[in-house]
Amino acid sequence: MIEHGLTRENAAKYVAWSPCFNRKELAEEMQLSEDSIFRYKRAFAEMSAVERLQVISVLSQELLDE
């Protein structure tokens, strides 16, 4: 994630909340700018499918473990 410029905390929120909100709502919920949300979206899109699934899997598991 770091090589894509993503913080672990915000990436976890992005993974958990992005299916539920549009970009503007997600930005408000995460207290980030819409540009930052777009950067996260682009970073995930630039990952290979395997890498993206691994990141989503790890972050989802961490959220479940909390």
PDB file of N, CA and C in Angstrom:
ATOM      1  N   MET A   1       0.810  -1.192   0.000  1.00  0.00           N
ATOM      2  CA  MET A   1       0.000   0.000   0.000  1.00  0.00           C
ATOM      3  C   MET A   1       0.851   1.253   0.000  1.00  0.00           C
ATOM      4  N   ILE A   2       1.934   1.205   0.744  1.00  0.00           N
ATOM      5  CA  ILE A   2       2.780   2.388   0.870  1.00  0.00           C
ATOM      6  C   ILE A   2       3.323   2.814  -0.487  1.00  0.00           C
ATOM      7  N   GLU A   3       3.680   1.843  -1.338  1.00  0.00           N
ATOM      8  CA  GLU A   3       4.213   2.223  -2.643  1.00  0.00           C
ATOM      9  C   GLU A   3       3.162   2.900  -3.517  1.00  0.00           C
ATOM     10  N   HIS A   4       1.889   2.755  -3.139  1.00  0.00           N
ATOM     11  CA  HIS A   4       0.810   3.425  -3.866  1.00  0.00           C
ATOM     12  C   HIS A   4       0.366   4.702  -3.169  1.00  0.00           C
ATOM     13  N   GLY A   5       1.061   5.078  -2.087  1.00  0.00           N
ATOM     14  CA  GLY A   5       0.754   6.312  -1.380  1.00  0.00           C
ATOM     15  C   GLY A   5      -0.477   6.228  -0.496  1.00  0.00           C
ATOM     16  N   LEU A   6      -0.810   5.033  -0.022  1.00  0.00           N
ATOM     17  CA  LEU A   6      -1.994   4.850   0.799  1.00  0.00           C
ATOM     18  C   LEU A   6      -1.607   4.628   2.256  1.00  0.00           C
ATOM     19  N   THR A   7      -2.327   5.292   3.159  1.00  0.00           N
ATOM     20  CA  THR A   7      -2.120   4.988   4.570  1.00  0.00           C
ATOM     21  C   THR A   7      -3.002   3.788   4.920  1.00  0.00           C
ATOM     22  N   ARG A   8      -2.537   2.986   5.847  1.00  0.00           N
ATOM     23  CA  ARG A   8      -3.267   1.776   6.229  1.00  0.00           C
ATOM     24  C   ARG A   8      -4.663   2.112   6.761  1.00  0.00           C
ATOM     25  N   GLU A   9      -4.745   3.108   7.628  1.00  0.00           N
ATOM     26  CA  GLU A   9      -6.036   3.471   8.233  1.00  0.00           C
ATOM     27  C   GLU A   9      -7.036   3.946   7.177  1.00  0.00           C
ATOM     28  N   ASN A  10      -6.611   4.854   6.313  1.00  0.00           N
ATOM     29  CA  ASN A  10      -7.528   5.366   5.290  1.00  0.00           C
ATOM     30  C   ASN A  10      -7.841   4.320   4.234  1.00  0.00           C
ATOM     31  N   ALA A  11      -6.889   3.463   3.920  1.00  0.00           N
ATOM     32  CA  ALA A  11      -7.163   2.393   2.966  1.00  0.00           C
ATOM     33  C   ALA A  11      -8.210   1.441   3.522  1.00  0.00           C
ATOM     34  N   ALA A  12      -8.131   1.152   4.816  1.00  0.00           N
ATOM     35  CA  ALA A  12      -9.130   0.281   5.443  1.00  0.00           C
ATOM     36  C   ALA A  12     -10.522   0.913   5.382  1.00  0.00           C
ATOM     37  N   LYS A  13     -10.592   2.200   5.685  1.00  0.00           N
ATOM     38  CA  LYS A  13     -11.874   2.903   5.596  1.00  0.00           C
ATOM     39  C   LYS A  13     -12.380   2.923   4.162  1.00  0.00           C
ATOM     40  N   TYR A  14     -11.485   3.172   3.222  1.00  0.00           N
ATOM     41  CA  TYR A  14     -11.872   3.206   1.816  1.00  0.00           C
ATOM     42  C   TYR A  14     -12.457   1.862   1.389  1.00  0.00           C
ATOM     43  N   VAL A  15     -11.790   0.778   1.758  1.00  0.00           N
ATOM     44  CA  VAL A  15     -12.263  -0.560   1.391  1.00  0.00           C
ATOM     45  C   VAL A  15     -13.633  -0.834   2.016  1.00  0.00           C
ATOM     46  N   ALA A  16     -13.785  -0.470   3.272  1.00  0.00           N
ATOM     47  CA  ALA A  16     -15.031  -0.753   3.981  1.00  0.00           C
ATOM     48  C   ALA A  16     -16.189   0.130   3.518  1.00  0.00           C
ATOM     49  N   TRP A  17     -15.915   1.384   3.256  1.00  0.00           N
ATOM     50  CA  TRP A  17     -16.990   2.337   3.008  1.00  0.00           C
ATOM     51  C   TRP A  17     -17.242   2.673   1.545  1.00  0.00           C
ATOM     52  N   SER A  18     -16.293   2.448   0.662  1.00  0.00           N
ATOM     53  CA  SER A  18     -16.487   2.884  -0.729  1.00  0.00           C
ATOM     54  C   SER A  18     -17.694   2.239  -1.416  1.00  0.00           C
ATOM     55  N   PRO A  19     -18.063   0.992  -1.084  1.00  0.00           N
ATOM     56  CA  PRO A  19     -19.265   0.446  -1.727  1.00  0.00           C
ATOM     57  C   PRO A  19     -20.552   1.126  -1.265  1.00  0.00           C
ATOM     58  N   CYS A  20     -20.489   1.842  -0.144  1.00  0.00           N
ATOM     59  CA  CYS A  20     -21.694   2.418   0.463  1.00  0.00           C
ATOM     60  C   CYS A  20     -21.923   3.888   0.138  1.00  0.00           C
ATOM     61  N   PHE A  21     -20.905   4.571  -0.309  1.00  0.00           N
ATOM     62  CA  PHE A  21     -20.992   6.016  -0.496  1.00  0.00           C
ATOM     63  C   PHE A  21     -20.480   6.431  -1.869  1.00  0.00           C
ATOM     64  N   ASN A  22     -20.997   7.565  -2.372  1.00  0.00           N
ATOM     65  CA  ASN A  22     -20.382   8.151  -3.555  1.00  0.00           C
ATOM     66  C   ASN A  22     -19.134   8.910  -3.100  1.00  0.00           C
ATOM     67  N   ARG A  23     -18.380   9.432  -4.048  1.00  0.00           N
ATOM     68  CA  ARG A  23     -17.089  10.051  -3.709  1.00  0.00           C
ATOM     69  C   ARG A  23     -17.239  11.227  -2.746  1.00  0.00           C
ATOM     70  N   LYS A  24     -18.244  12.063  -2.958  1.00  0.00           N
ATOM     71  CA  LYS A  24     -18.437  13.228  -2.087  1.00  0.00           C
ATOM     72  C   LYS A  24     -18.801  12.783  -0.670  1.00  0.00           C
ATOM     73  N   GLU A  25     -19.725  11.844  -0.547  1.00  0.00           N
ATOM     74  CA  GLU A  25     -20.117  11.347   0.772  1.00  0.00           C
ATOM     75  C   GLU A  25     -18.955  10.646   1.469  1.00  0.00           C
ATOM     76  N   LEU A  26     -18.197   9.872   0.702  1.00  0.00           N
ATOM     77  CA  LEU A  26     -17.055   9.163   1.263  1.00  0.00           C
ATOM     78  C   LEU A  26     -16.005  10.153   1.774  1.00  0.00           C
ATOM     79  N   ALA A  27     -15.774  11.205   1.013  1.00  0.00           N
ATOM     80  CA  ALA A  27     -14.824  12.245   1.437  1.00  0.00           C
ATOM     81  C   ALA A  27     -15.268  12.871   2.756  1.00  0.00           C
ATOM     82  N   GLU A  28     -16.549  13.172   2.866  1.00  0.00           N
ATOM     83  CA  GLU A  28     -17.069  13.756   4.103  1.00  0.00           C
ATOM     84  C   GLU A  28     -16.937  12.770   5.258  1.00  0.00           C
ATOM     85  N   GLU A  29     -17.293  11.515   5.028  1.00  0.00           N
ATOM     86  CA  GLU A  29     -17.241  10.495   6.075  1.00  0.00           C
ATOM     87  C   GLU A  29     -15.811  10.250   6.561  1.00  0.00           C
ATOM     88  N   MET A  30     -14.854  10.265   5.629  1.00  0.00           N
ATOM     89  CA  MET A  30     -13.456  10.007   5.968  1.00  0.00           C
ATOM     90  C   MET A  30     -12.713  11.278   6.346  1.00  0.00           C
ATOM     91  N   GLN A  31     -13.376  12.420   6.226  1.00  0.00           N
ATOM     92  CA  GLN A  31     -12.778  13.727   6.496  1.00  0.00           C
ATOM     93  C   GLN A  31     -11.544  13.959   5.625  1.00  0.00           C
ATOM     94  N   LEU A  32     -11.700  13.643   4.339  1.00  0.00           N
ATOM     95  CA  LEU A  32     -10.663  13.869   3.332  1.00  0.00           C
ATOM     96  C   LEU A  32     -11.274  14.672   2.195  1.00  0.00           C
ATOM     97  N   SER A  33     -10.431  15.180   1.329  1.00  0.00           N
ATOM     98  CA  SER A  33     -10.940  15.892   0.152  1.00  0.00           C
ATOM     99  C   SER A  33     -11.393  14.873  -0.896  1.00  0.00           C
ATOM    100  N   GLU A  34     -12.235  15.321  -1.804  1.00  0.00           N
ATOM    101  CA  GLU A  34     -12.657  14.452  -2.906  1.00  0.00           C
ATOM    102  C   GLU A  34     -11.452  14.064  -3.759  1.00  0.00           C
ATOM    103  N   ASP A  35     -10.463  14.954  -3.869  1.00  0.00           N
ATOM    104  CA  ASP A  35      -9.236  14.629  -4.609  1.00  0.00           C
ATOM    105  C   ASP A  35      -8.499  13.467  -3.954  1.00  0.00           C
ATOM    106  N   SER A  36      -8.464  13.439  -2.630  1.00  0.00           N
ATOM    107  CA  SER A  36      -7.816  12.338  -1.919  1.00  0.00           C
ATOM    108  C   SER A  36      -8.556  11.026  -2.168  1.00  0.00           C
ATOM    109  N   ILE A  37      -9.872  11.071  -2.172  1.00  0.00           N
ATOM    110  CA  ILE A  37     -10.666   9.863  -2.446  1.00  0.00           C
ATOM    111  C   ILE A  37     -10.389   9.386  -3.867  1.00  0.00           C
ATOM    112  N   PHE A  38     -10.302  10.309  -4.802  1.00  0.00           N
ATOM    113  CA  PHE A  38      -9.989   9.937  -6.184  1.00  0.00           C
ATOM    114  C   PHE A  38      -8.599   9.303  -6.258  1.00  0.00           C
ATOM    115  N   ARG A  39      -7.653   9.825  -5.472  1.00  0.00           N
ATOM    116  CA  ARG A  39      -6.296   9.260  -5.445  1.00  0.00           C
ATOM    117  C   ARG A  39      -6.321   7.823  -4.927  1.00  0.00           C
ATOM    118  N   TYR A  40      -7.123   7.562  -3.911  1.00  0.00           N
ATOM    119  CA  TYR A  40      -7.261   6.198  -3.397  1.00  0.00           C
ATOM    120  C   TYR A  40      -7.877   5.283  -4.456  1.00  0.00           C
ATOM    121  N   LYS A  41      -8.920   5.776  -5.117  1.00  0.00           N
ATOM    122  CA  LYS A  41      -9.568   4.984  -6.167  1.00  0.00           C
ATOM    123  C   LYS A  41      -8.569   4.652  -7.265  1.00  0.00           C
ATOM    124  N   ARG A  42      -7.794   5.641  -7.673  1.00  0.00           N
ATOM    125  CA  ARG A  42      -6.809   5.439  -8.737  1.00  0.00           C
ATOM    126  C   ARG A  42      -5.709   4.477  -8.291  1.00  0.00           C
ATOM    127  N   ALA A  43      -5.269   4.594  -7.041  1.00  0.00           N
ATOM    128  CA  ALA A  43      -4.226   3.705  -6.520  1.00  0.00           C
ATOM    129  C   ALA A  43      -4.702   2.260  -6.527  1.00  0.00           C
ATOM    130  N   PHE A  44      -5.936   2.026  -6.110  1.00  0.00           N
ATOM    131  CA  PHE A  44      -6.460   0.659  -6.138  1.00  0.00           C
ATOM    132  C   PHE A  44      -6.596   0.170  -7.574  1.00  0.00           C
ATOM    133  N   ALA A  45      -6.983   1.048  -8.481  1.00  0.00           N
ATOM    134  CA  ALA A  45      -7.122   0.655  -9.885  1.00  0.00           C
ATOM    135  C   ALA A  45      -5.773   0.323 -10.515  1.00  0.00           C
ATOM    136  N   GLU A  46      -4.709   0.957 -10.052  1.00  0.00           N
ATOM    137  CA  GLU A  46      -3.377   0.711 -10.602  1.00  0.00           C
ATOM    138  C   GLU A  46      -2.751  -0.583 -10.085  1.00  0.00           C
ATOM    139  N   MET A  47      -3.288  -1.110  -8.989  1.00  0.00           N
ATOM    140  CA  MET A  47      -2.771  -2.377  -8.466  1.00  0.00           C
ATOM    141  C   MET A  47      -3.174  -3.525  -9.389  1.00  0.00           C
ATOM    142  N   SER A  48      -2.373  -4.571  -9.410  1.00  0.00           N
ATOM    143  CA  SER A  48      -2.789  -5.765 -10.139  1.00  0.00           C
ATOM    144  C   SER A  48      -3.986  -6.358  -9.403  1.00  0.00           C
ATOM    145  N   ALA A  49      -4.742  -7.194 -10.082  1.00  0.00           N
ATOM    146  CA  ALA A  49      -5.922  -7.798  -9.462  1.00  0.00           C
ATOM    147  C   ALA A  49      -5.537  -8.601  -8.228  1.00  0.00           C
ATOM    148  N   VAL A  50      -4.449  -9.340  -8.311  1.00  0.00           N
ATOM    149  CA  VAL A  50      -3.997 -10.149  -7.174  1.00  0.00           C
ATOM    150  C   VAL A  50      -3.600  -9.252  -6.006  1.00  0.00           C
ATOM    151  N   GLU A  51      -2.839  -8.205  -6.292  1.00  0.00           N
ATOM    152  CA  GLU A  51      -2.406  -7.292  -5.240  1.00  0.00           C
ATOM    153  C   GLU A  51      -3.610  -6.613  -4.582  1.00  0.00           C
ATOM    154  N   ARG A  52      -4.551  -6.171  -5.394  1.00  0.00           N
ATOM    155  CA  ARG A  52      -5.750  -5.509  -4.879  1.00  0.00           C
ATOM    156  C   ARG A  52      -6.531  -6.459  -3.961  1.00  0.00           C
ATOM    157  N   LEU A  53      -6.699  -7.704  -4.384  1.00  0.00           N
ATOM    158  CA  LEU A  53      -7.415  -8.679  -3.565  1.00  0.00           C
ATOM    159  C   LEU A  53      -6.688  -8.974  -2.262  1.00  0.00           C
ATOM    160  N   GLN A  54      -5.371  -9.030  -2.314  1.00  0.00           N
ATOM    161  CA  GLN A  54      -4.588  -9.268  -1.099  1.00  0.00           C
ATOM    162  C   GLN A  54      -4.755  -8.114  -0.115  1.00  0.00           C
ATOM    163  N   VAL A  55      -4.666  -6.890  -0.614  1.00  0.00           N
ATOM    164  CA  VAL A  55      -4.818  -5.715   0.252  1.00  0.00           C
ATOM    165  C   VAL A  55      -6.221  -5.682   0.848  1.00  0.00           C
ATOM    166  N   ILE A  56      -7.233  -5.889   0.022  1.00  0.00           N
ATOM    167  CA  ILE A  56      -8.613  -5.870   0.508  1.00  0.00           C
ATOM    168  C   ILE A  56      -8.827  -6.976   1.540  1.00  0.00           C
ATOM    169  N   SER A  57      -8.273  -8.142   1.294  1.00  0.00           N
ATOM    170  CA  SER A  57      -8.409  -9.268   2.220  1.00  0.00           C
ATOM    171  C   SER A  57      -7.785  -8.961   3.577  1.00  0.00           C
ATOM    172  N   VAL A  58      -6.568  -8.448   3.572  1.00  0.00           N
ATOM    173  CA  VAL A  58      -5.874  -8.134   4.824  1.00  0.00           C
ATOM    174  C   VAL A  58      -6.617  -7.037   5.585  1.00  0.00           C
ATOM    175  N   LEU A  59      -7.006  -5.982   4.896  1.00  0.00           N
ATOM    176  CA  LEU A  59      -7.697  -4.876   5.566  1.00  0.00           C
ATOM    177  C   LEU A  59      -9.058  -5.307   6.094  1.00  0.00           C
ATOM    178  N   SER A  60      -9.764  -6.126   5.339  1.00  0.00           N
ATOM    179  CA  SER A  60     -11.071  -6.620   5.797  1.00  0.00           C
ATOM    180  C   SER A  60     -10.923  -7.489   7.031  1.00  0.00           C
ATOM    181  N   GLN A  61      -9.923  -8.349   7.024  1.00  0.00           N
ATOM    182  CA  GLN A  61      -9.692  -9.204   8.183  1.00  0.00           C
ATOM    183  C   GLN A  61      -9.348  -8.377   9.416  1.00  0.00           C
ATOM    184  N   GLU A  62      -8.542  -7.349   9.239  1.00  0.00           N
ATOM    185  CA  GLU A  62      -8.199  -6.477  10.366  1.00  0.00           C
ATOM    186  C   GLU A  62      -9.432  -5.791  10.936  1.00  0.00           C
ATOM    187  N   LEU A  63     -10.342  -5.361  10.052  1.00  0.00           N
ATOM    188  CA  LEU A  63     -11.563  -4.724  10.518  1.00  0.00           C
ATOM    189  C   LEU A  63     -12.433  -5.712  11.307  1.00  0.00           C
ATOM    190  N   LEU A  64     -12.490  -6.948  10.837  1.00  0.00           N
ATOM    191  CA  LEU A  64     -13.269  -7.964  11.537  1.00  0.00           C
ATOM    192  C   LEU A  64     -12.668  -8.324  12.889  1.00  0.00           C
ATOM    193  N   ASP A  65     -11.360  -8.240  12.994  1.00  0.00           N
ATOM    194  CA  ASP A  65     -10.666  -8.589  14.233  1.00  0.00           C
ATOM    195  C   ASP A  65     -10.792  -7.514  15.318  1.00  0.00           C
ATOM    196  N   GLU A  66     -11.199  -6.313  14.933  1.00  0.00           N
ATOM    197  CA  GLU A  66     -11.300  -5.207  15.918  1.00  0.00           C
ATOM    198  C   GLU A  66     -12.413  -5.436  16.908  1.00  0.00           C
TER     199      GLU A  66
END
